[in-house]
PDB file of N, CA and C in Angstrom:
ATOM      1  N   MET A   1      43.031  22.517  -7.794  1.00  0.00           N
ATOM      2  CA  MET A   1      41.788  22.054  -7.199  1.00  0.00           C
ATOM      3  C   MET A   1      42.147  21.203  -5.983  1.00  0.00           C
ATOM      4  N   SER A   2      41.532  21.535  -4.878  1.00  0.00           N
ATOM      5  CA  SER A   2      41.825  20.779  -3.657  1.00  0.00           C
ATOM      6  C   SER A   2      41.111  19.430  -3.698  1.00  0.00           C
ATOM      7  N   MET A   3      41.576  18.544  -2.849  1.00  0.00           N
ATOM      8  CA  MET A   3      40.983  17.206  -2.782  1.00  0.00           C
ATOM      9  C   MET A   3      39.511  17.289  -2.397  1.00  0.00           C
ATOM     10  N   GLU A   4      39.173  18.180  -1.470  1.00  0.00           N
ATOM     11  CA  GLU A   4      37.773  18.335  -1.037  1.00  0.00           C
ATOM     12  C   GLU A   4      36.902  18.793  -2.202  1.00  0.00           C
ATOM     13  N   ASN A   5      37.365  19.775  -2.956  1.00  0.00           N
ATOM     14  CA  ASN A   5      36.608  20.254  -4.117  1.00  0.00           C
ATOM     15  C   ASN A   5      36.464  19.156  -5.167  1.00  0.00           C
ATOM     16  N   TYR A   6      37.541  18.400  -5.363  1.00  0.00           N
ATOM     17  CA  TYR A   6      37.509  17.311  -6.333  1.00  0.00           C
ATOM     18  C   TYR A   6      36.465  16.266  -5.929  1.00  0.00           C
ATOM     19  N   LEU A   7      36.469  15.885  -4.646  1.00  0.00           N
ATOM     20  CA  LEU A   7      35.498  14.894  -4.166  1.00  0.00           C
ATOM     21  C   LEU A   7      34.070  15.414  -4.277  1.00  0.00           C
ATOM     22  N   ASN A   8      33.870  16.675  -3.924  1.00  0.00           N
ATOM     23  CA  ASN A   8      32.527  17.262  -4.032  1.00  0.00           C
ATOM     24  C   ASN A   8      32.044  17.266  -5.481  1.00  0.00           C
ATOM     25  N   ALA A   9      32.914  17.636  -6.402  1.00  0.00           N
ATOM     26  CA  ALA A   9      32.547  17.657  -7.819  1.00  0.00           C
ATOM     27  C   ALA A   9      32.240  16.243  -8.306  1.00  0.00           C
ATOM     28  N   TYR A  10      33.040  15.288  -7.891  1.00  0.00           N
ATOM     29  CA  TYR A  10      32.823  13.892  -8.278  1.00  0.00           C
ATOM     30  C   TYR A  10      31.474  13.397  -7.757  1.00  0.00           C
ATOM     31  N   LEU A  11      31.202  13.669  -6.492  1.00  0.00           N
ATOM     32  CA  LEU A  11      29.928  13.233  -5.905  1.00  0.00           C
ATOM     33  C   LEU A  11      28.746  13.909  -6.589  1.00  0.00           C
ATOM     34  N   ASP A  12      28.897  15.191  -6.902  1.00  0.00           N
ATOM     35  CA  ASP A  12      27.821  15.897  -7.605  1.00  0.00           C
ATOM     36  C   ASP A  12      27.530  15.251  -8.959  1.00  0.00           C
ATOM     37  N   ARG A  13      28.582  14.873  -9.677  1.00  0.00           N
ATOM     38  CA  ARG A  13      28.404  14.262 -10.996  1.00  0.00           C
ATOM     39  C   ARG A  13      27.812  12.860 -10.895  1.00  0.00           C
ATOM     40  N   ARG A  14      28.156  12.127  -9.884  1.00  0.00           N
ATOM     41  CA  ARG A  14      27.787  10.711  -9.777  1.00  0.00           C
ATOM     42  C   ARG A  14      26.625  10.419  -8.822  1.00  0.00           C
ATOM     43  N   MET A  15      26.067  11.437  -8.186  1.00  0.00           N
ATOM     44  CA  MET A  15      25.082  11.204  -7.124  1.00  0.00           C
ATOM     45  C   MET A  15      23.891  10.372  -7.608  1.00  0.00           C
ATOM     46  N   LYS A  16      23.287  10.728  -8.746  1.00  0.00           N
ATOM     47  CA  LYS A  16      22.119   9.975  -9.223  1.00  0.00           C
ATOM     48  C   LYS A  16      22.490   8.519  -9.488  1.00  0.00           C
ATOM     49  N   ASP A  17      23.630   8.293 -10.132  1.00  0.00           N
ATOM     50  CA  ASP A  17      24.063   6.916 -10.400  1.00  0.00           C
ATOM     51  C   ASP A  17      24.302   6.149  -9.102  1.00  0.00           C
ATOM     52  N   MET A  18      24.885   6.810  -8.119  1.00  0.00           N
ATOM     53  CA  MET A  18      25.156   6.147  -6.837  1.00  0.00           C
ATOM     54  C   MET A  18      23.853   5.797  -6.123  1.00  0.00           C
ATOM     55  N   ILE A  19      22.892   6.714  -6.170  1.00  0.00           N
ATOM     56  CA  ILE A  19      21.590   6.452  -5.540  1.00  0.00           C
ATOM     57  C   ILE A  19      20.936   5.242  -6.202  1.00  0.00           C
ATOM     58  N   ASP A  20      20.957   5.210  -7.529  1.00  0.00           N
ATOM     59  CA  ASP A  20      20.363   4.077  -8.254  1.00  0.00           C
ATOM     60  C   ASP A  20      21.123   2.782  -7.978  1.00  0.00           C
ATOM     61  N   GLU A  21      22.448   2.858  -8.056  1.00  0.00           N
ATOM     62  CA  GLU A  21      23.274   1.664  -7.889  1.00  0.00           C
ATOM     63  C   GLU A  21      23.154   1.082  -6.486  1.00  0.00           C
ATOM     64  N   TRP A  22      23.159   1.931  -5.496  1.00  0.00           N
ATOM     65  CA  TRP A  22      23.112   1.469  -4.103  1.00  0.00           C
ATOM     66  C   TRP A  22      21.681   1.328  -3.596  1.00  0.00           C
ATOM     67  N   GLN A  23      20.716   1.646  -4.466  1.00  0.00           N
ATOM     68  CA  GLN A  23      19.289   1.571  -4.140  1.00  0.00           C
ATOM     69  C   GLN A  23      18.950   2.378  -2.883  1.00  0.00           C
ATOM     70  N   ILE A  24      19.461   3.582  -2.855  1.00  0.00           N
ATOM     71  CA  ILE A  24      19.212   4.492  -1.734  1.00  0.00           C
ATOM     72  C   ILE A  24      17.887   5.207  -1.983  1.00  0.00           C
ATOM     73  N   ALA A  25      17.055   5.289  -0.969  1.00  0.00           N
ATOM     74  CA  ALA A  25      15.777   5.990  -1.091  1.00  0.00           C
ATOM     75  C   ALA A  25      16.002   7.487  -0.933  1.00  0.00           C
ATOM     76  N   THR A  26      15.356   8.253  -1.789  1.00  0.00           N
ATOM     77  CA  THR A  26      15.426   9.706  -1.686  1.00  0.00           C
ATOM     78  C   THR A  26      14.228  10.204  -0.880  1.00  0.00           C
ATOM     79  N   THR A  27      14.261  11.473  -0.528  1.00  0.00           N
ATOM     80  CA  THR A  27      13.136  12.072   0.199  1.00  0.00           C
ATOM     81  C   THR A  27      11.859  11.940  -0.620  1.00  0.00           C
ATOM     82  N   SER A  28      11.974  12.140  -1.911  1.00  0.00           N
ATOM     83  CA  SER A  28      10.818  12.002  -2.798  1.00  0.00           C
ATOM     84  C   SER A  28      10.286  10.569  -2.783  1.00  0.00           C
ATOM     85  N   ASP A  29      11.197   9.595  -2.793  1.00  0.00           N
ATOM     86  CA  ASP A  29      10.780   8.187  -2.729  1.00  0.00           C
ATOM     87  C   ASP A  29      10.017   7.903  -1.441  1.00  0.00           C
ATOM     88  N   ILE A  30      10.534   8.404  -0.334  1.00  0.00           N
ATOM     89  CA  ILE A  30       9.895   8.178   0.970  1.00  0.00           C
ATOM     90  C   ILE A  30       8.523   8.842   1.013  1.00  0.00           C
ATOM     91  N   ARG A  31       8.424  10.051   0.488  1.00  0.00           N
ATOM     92  CA  ARG A  31       7.140  10.768   0.470  1.00  0.00           C
ATOM     93  C   ARG A  31       6.125   9.988  -0.363  1.00  0.00           C
ATOM     94  N   ASP A  32       6.553   9.521  -1.537  1.00  0.00           N
ATOM     95  CA  ASP A  32       5.672   8.744  -2.405  1.00  0.00           C
ATOM     96  C   ASP A  32       5.233   7.451  -1.720  1.00  0.00           C
ATOM     97  N   LEU A  33       6.166   6.778  -1.101  1.00  0.00           N
ATOM     98  CA  LEU A  33       5.856   5.532  -0.398  1.00  0.00           C
ATOM     99  C   LEU A  33       4.868   5.776   0.739  1.00  0.00           C
ATOM    100  N   SER A  34       5.061   6.865   1.465  1.00  0.00           N
ATOM    101  CA  SER A  34       4.158   7.206   2.568  1.00  0.00           C
ATOM    102  C   SER A  34       2.740   7.469   2.052  1.00  0.00           C
ATOM    103  N   GLN A  35       2.641   8.204   0.948  1.00  0.00           N
ATOM    104  CA  GLN A  35       1.321   8.484   0.374  1.00  0.00           C
ATOM    105  C   GLN A  35       0.648   7.201  -0.095  1.00  0.00           C
ATOM    106  N   ARG A  36       1.399   6.328  -0.740  1.00  0.00           N
ATOM    107  CA  ARG A  36       0.837   5.059  -1.193  1.00  0.00           C
ATOM    108  C   ARG A  36       0.413   4.196  -0.014  1.00  0.00           C
ATOM    109  N   TYR A  37       1.200   4.209   1.052  1.00  0.00           N
ATOM    110  CA  TYR A  37       0.879   3.439   2.253  1.00  0.00           C
ATOM    111  C   TYR A  37      -0.454   3.902   2.847  1.00  0.00           C
ATOM    112  N   HIS A  38      -0.652   5.219   2.923  1.00  0.00           N
ATOM    113  CA  HIS A  38      -1.906   5.735   3.490  1.00  0.00           C
ATOM    114  C   HIS A  38      -3.103   5.387   2.601  1.00  0.00           C
ATOM    115  N   LYS A  39      -2.903   5.384   1.288  1.00  0.00           N
ATOM    116  CA  LYS A  39      -3.986   4.976   0.386  1.00  0.00           C
ATOM    117  C   LYS A  39      -4.337   3.508   0.600  1.00  0.00           C
ATOM    118  N   VAL A  40      -3.323   2.686   0.773  1.00  0.00           N
ATOM    119  CA  VAL A  40      -3.555   1.256   1.002  1.00  0.00           C
ATOM    120  C   VAL A  40      -4.287   1.042   2.325  1.00  0.00           C
ATOM    121  N   LEU A  41      -3.884   1.774   3.368  1.00  0.00           N
ATOM    122  CA  LEU A  41      -4.572   1.647   4.657  1.00  0.00           C
ATOM    123  C   LEU A  41      -6.048   1.993   4.532  1.00  0.00           C
ATOM    124  N   LYS A  42      -6.341   3.058   3.794  1.00  0.00           N
ATOM    125  CA  LYS A  42      -7.735   3.454   3.603  1.00  0.00           C
ATOM    126  C   LYS A  42      -8.490   2.359   2.847  1.00  0.00           C
ATOM    127  N   GLU A  43      -7.849   1.800   1.837  1.00  0.00           N
ATOM    128  CA  GLU A  43      -8.482   0.737   1.056  1.00  0.00           C
ATOM    129  C   GLU A  43      -8.719  -0.505   1.911  1.00  0.00           C
ATOM    130  N   VAL A  44      -7.790  -0.812   2.798  1.00  0.00           N
ATOM    131  CA  VAL A  44      -7.957  -1.957   3.702  1.00  0.00           C
ATOM    132  C   VAL A  44      -9.177  -1.737   4.589  1.00  0.00           C
ATOM    133  N   ASP A  45      -9.328  -0.525   5.113  1.00  0.00           N
ATOM    134  CA  ASP A  45     -10.505  -0.223   5.935  1.00  0.00           C
ATOM    135  C   ASP A  45     -11.790  -0.413   5.133  1.00  0.00           C
ATOM    136  N   ASN A  46     -11.782   0.057   3.883  1.00  0.00           N
ATOM    137  CA  ASN A  46     -12.963  -0.115   3.028  1.00  0.00           C
ATOM    138  C   ASN A  46     -13.251  -1.595   2.783  1.00  0.00           C
ATOM    139  N   LEU A  47     -12.207  -2.370   2.554  1.00  0.00           N
ATOM    140  CA  LEU A  47     -12.392  -3.802   2.317  1.00  0.00           C
ATOM    141  C   LEU A  47     -12.907  -4.520   3.559  1.00  0.00           C
ATOM    142  N   LYS A  48     -12.426  -4.132   4.733  1.00  0.00           N
ATOM    143  CA  LYS A  48     -12.919  -4.740   5.972  1.00  0.00           C
ATOM    144  C   LYS A  48     -14.394  -4.434   6.163  1.00  0.00           C
ATOM    145  N   SER A  49     -14.776  -3.205   5.873  1.00  0.00           N
ATOM    146  CA  SER A  49     -16.180  -2.823   5.978  1.00  0.00           C
ATOM    147  C   SER A  49     -17.025  -3.633   4.992  1.00  0.00           C
ATOM    148  N   PHE A  50     -16.557  -3.753   3.761  1.00  0.00           N
ATOM    149  CA  PHE A  50     -17.260  -4.552   2.759  1.00  0.00           C
ATOM    150  C   PHE A  50     -17.380  -6.002   3.207  1.00  0.00           C
ATOM    151  N   GLU A  51     -16.316  -6.535   3.778  1.00  0.00           N
ATOM    152  CA  GLU A  51     -16.332  -7.924   4.241  1.00  0.00           C
ATOM    153  C   GLU A  51     -17.378  -8.126   5.340  1.00  0.00           C
ATOM    154  N   ARG A  52     -17.449  -7.195   6.293  1.00  0.00           N
ATOM    155  CA  ARG A  52     -18.449  -7.299   7.367  1.00  0.00           C
ATOM    156  C   ARG A  52     -19.862  -7.241   6.798  1.00  0.00           C
ATOM    157  N   GLU A  53     -20.097  -6.265   5.912  1.00  0.00           N
ATOM    158  CA  GLU A  53     -21.429  -6.127   5.326  1.00  0.00           C
ATOM    159  C   GLU A  53     -21.804  -7.364   4.510  1.00  0.00           C
ATOM    160  N   SER A  54     -20.850  -7.890   3.759  1.00  0.00           N
ATOM    161  CA  SER A  54     -21.113  -9.081   2.942  1.00  0.00           C
ATOM    162  C   SER A  54     -21.423 -10.283   3.817  1.00  0.00           C
ATOM    163  N   LYS A  55     -20.682 -10.431   4.902  1.00  0.00           N
ATOM    164  CA  LYS A  55     -20.930 -11.550   5.814  1.00  0.00           C
ATOM    165  C   LYS A  55     -22.326 -11.445   6.408  1.00  0.00           C
ATOM    166  N   ASP A  56     -22.722 -10.247   6.821  1.00  0.00           N
ATOM    167  CA  ASP A  56     -24.066 -10.056   7.367  1.00  0.00           C
ATOM    168  C   ASP A  56     -25.131 -10.431   6.338  1.00  0.00           C
ATOM    169  N   ARG A  57     -24.940  -9.990   5.098  1.00  0.00           N
ATOM    170  CA  ARG A  57     -25.904 -10.322   4.039  1.00  0.00           C
ATOM    171  C   ARG A  57     -25.958 -11.829   3.798  1.00  0.00           C
ATOM    172  N   MET A  58     -24.790 -12.448   3.746  1.00  0.00           N
ATOM    173  CA  MET A  58     -24.745 -13.901   3.525  1.00  0.00           C
ATOM    174  C   MET A  58     -25.437 -14.644   4.666  1.00  0.00           C
ATOM    175  N   ASP A  59     -25.212 -14.206   5.893  1.00  0.00           N
ATOM    176  CA  ASP A  59     -25.870 -14.844   7.035  1.00  0.00           C
ATOM    177  C   ASP A  59     -27.386 -14.736   6.913  1.00  0.00           C
ATOM    178  N   ARG A  60     -27.879 -13.554   6.525  1.00  0.00           N
ATOM    179  CA  ARG A  60     -29.324 -13.373   6.363  1.00  0.00           C
ATOM    180  C   ARG A  60     -29.864 -14.235   5.222  1.00  0.00           C
ATOM    181  N   MET A  61     -29.117 -14.308   4.134  1.00  0.00           N
ATOM    182  CA  MET A  61     -29.552 -15.138   3.004  1.00  0.00           C
ATOM    183  C   MET A  61     -29.585 -16.613   3.387  1.00  0.00           C
ATOM    184  N   GLU A  62     -28.576 -17.073   4.103  1.00  0.00           N
ATOM    185  CA  GLU A  62     -28.557 -18.471   4.536  1.00  0.00           C
ATOM    186  C   GLU A  62     -29.720 -18.764   5.470  1.00  0.00           C
ATOM    187  N   GLU A  63     -30.051 -17.823   6.316  1.00  0.00           N
ATOM    188  CA  GLU A  63     -31.188 -18.002   7.221  1.00  0.00           C
ATOM    189  C   GLU A  63     -32.488 -18.099   6.419  1.00  0.00           C
ATOM    190  N   ARG A  64     -32.638 -17.268   5.413  1.00  0.00           N
ATOM    191  CA  ARG A  64     -33.841 -17.338   4.574  1.00  0.00           C
ATOM    192  C   ARG A  64     -33.902 -18.661   3.813  1.00  0.00           C
ATOM    193  N   ILE A  65     -32.756 -19.129   3.324  1.00  0.00           N
ATOM    194  CA  ILE A  65     -32.717 -20.418   2.619  1.00  0.00           C
ATOM    195  C   ILE A  65     -33.144 -21.537   3.556  1.00  0.00           C
ATOM    196  N   ARG A  66     -32.645 -21.518   4.798  1.00  0.00           N
ATOM    197  CA  ARG A  66     -33.046 -22.537   5.776  1.00  0.00           C
ATOM    198  C   ARG A  66     -34.549 -22.477   6.026  1.00  0.00           C
ATOM    199  N   ALA A  67     -35.083 -21.262   6.143  1.00  0.00           N
ATOM    200  CA  ALA A  67     -36.517 -21.107   6.390  1.00  0.00           C
ATOM    201  C   ALA A  67     -37.327 -21.644   5.210  1.00  0.00           C
ATOM    202  N   ILE A  68     -36.880 -21.368   4.002  1.00  0.00           N
ATOM    203  CA  ILE A  68     -37.589 -21.864   2.813  1.00  0.00           C
ATOM    204  C   ILE A  68     -37.534 -23.386   2.763  1.00  0.00           C
ATOM    205  N   ARG A  69     -36.379 -23.948   3.066  1.00  0.00           N
ATOM    206  CA  ARG A  69     -36.252 -25.413   3.067  1.00  0.00           C
ATOM    207  C   ARG A  69     -37.170 -26.044   4.109  1.00  0.00           C
ATOM    208  N   GLU A  70     -37.280 -25.414   5.252  1.00  0.00           N
ATOM    209  CA  GLU A  70     -38.162 -25.931   6.304  1.00  0.00           C
ATOM    210  C   GLU A  70     -39.617 -25.882   5.845  1.00  0.00           C
ATOM    211  N   MET A  71     -39.979 -24.825   5.120  1.00  0.00           N
ATOM    212  CA  MET A  71     -41.358 -24.692   4.651  1.00  0.00           C
ATOM    213  C   MET A  71     -41.686 -25.730   3.584  1.00  0.00           C
ATOM    214  N   THR A  72     -40.700 -26.142   2.806  1.00  0.00           N
ATOM    215  CA  THR A  72     -40.966 -27.080   1.704  1.00  0.00           C
ATOM    216  C   THR A  72     -40.880 -28.532   2.137  1.00  0.00           C
ATOM    217  N   LYS A  73     -40.540 -28.816   3.356  1.00  0.00           N
ATOM    218  CA  LYS A  73     -40.460 -30.209   3.847  1.00  0.00           C
ATOM    219  C   LYS A  73     -41.824 -30.757   4.130  1.00  0.00           C
TER     220      LYS A  73
END
């Protein structure tokens, strides 16, 4: 067995352990991370929209509260 064949066989046997030990990202890991990132971005957009709508509602409610307080004085 040549040295090259020996090294290739060794790497084939140990590849998963080396990836785990060295914390190397695989293509599958990157794909999963990318998909999760896009889901988070979409959720952030939804949260920003909710925040704007909530602020508008709160502003209107505060205005109504001020108007009611003025009427009761």
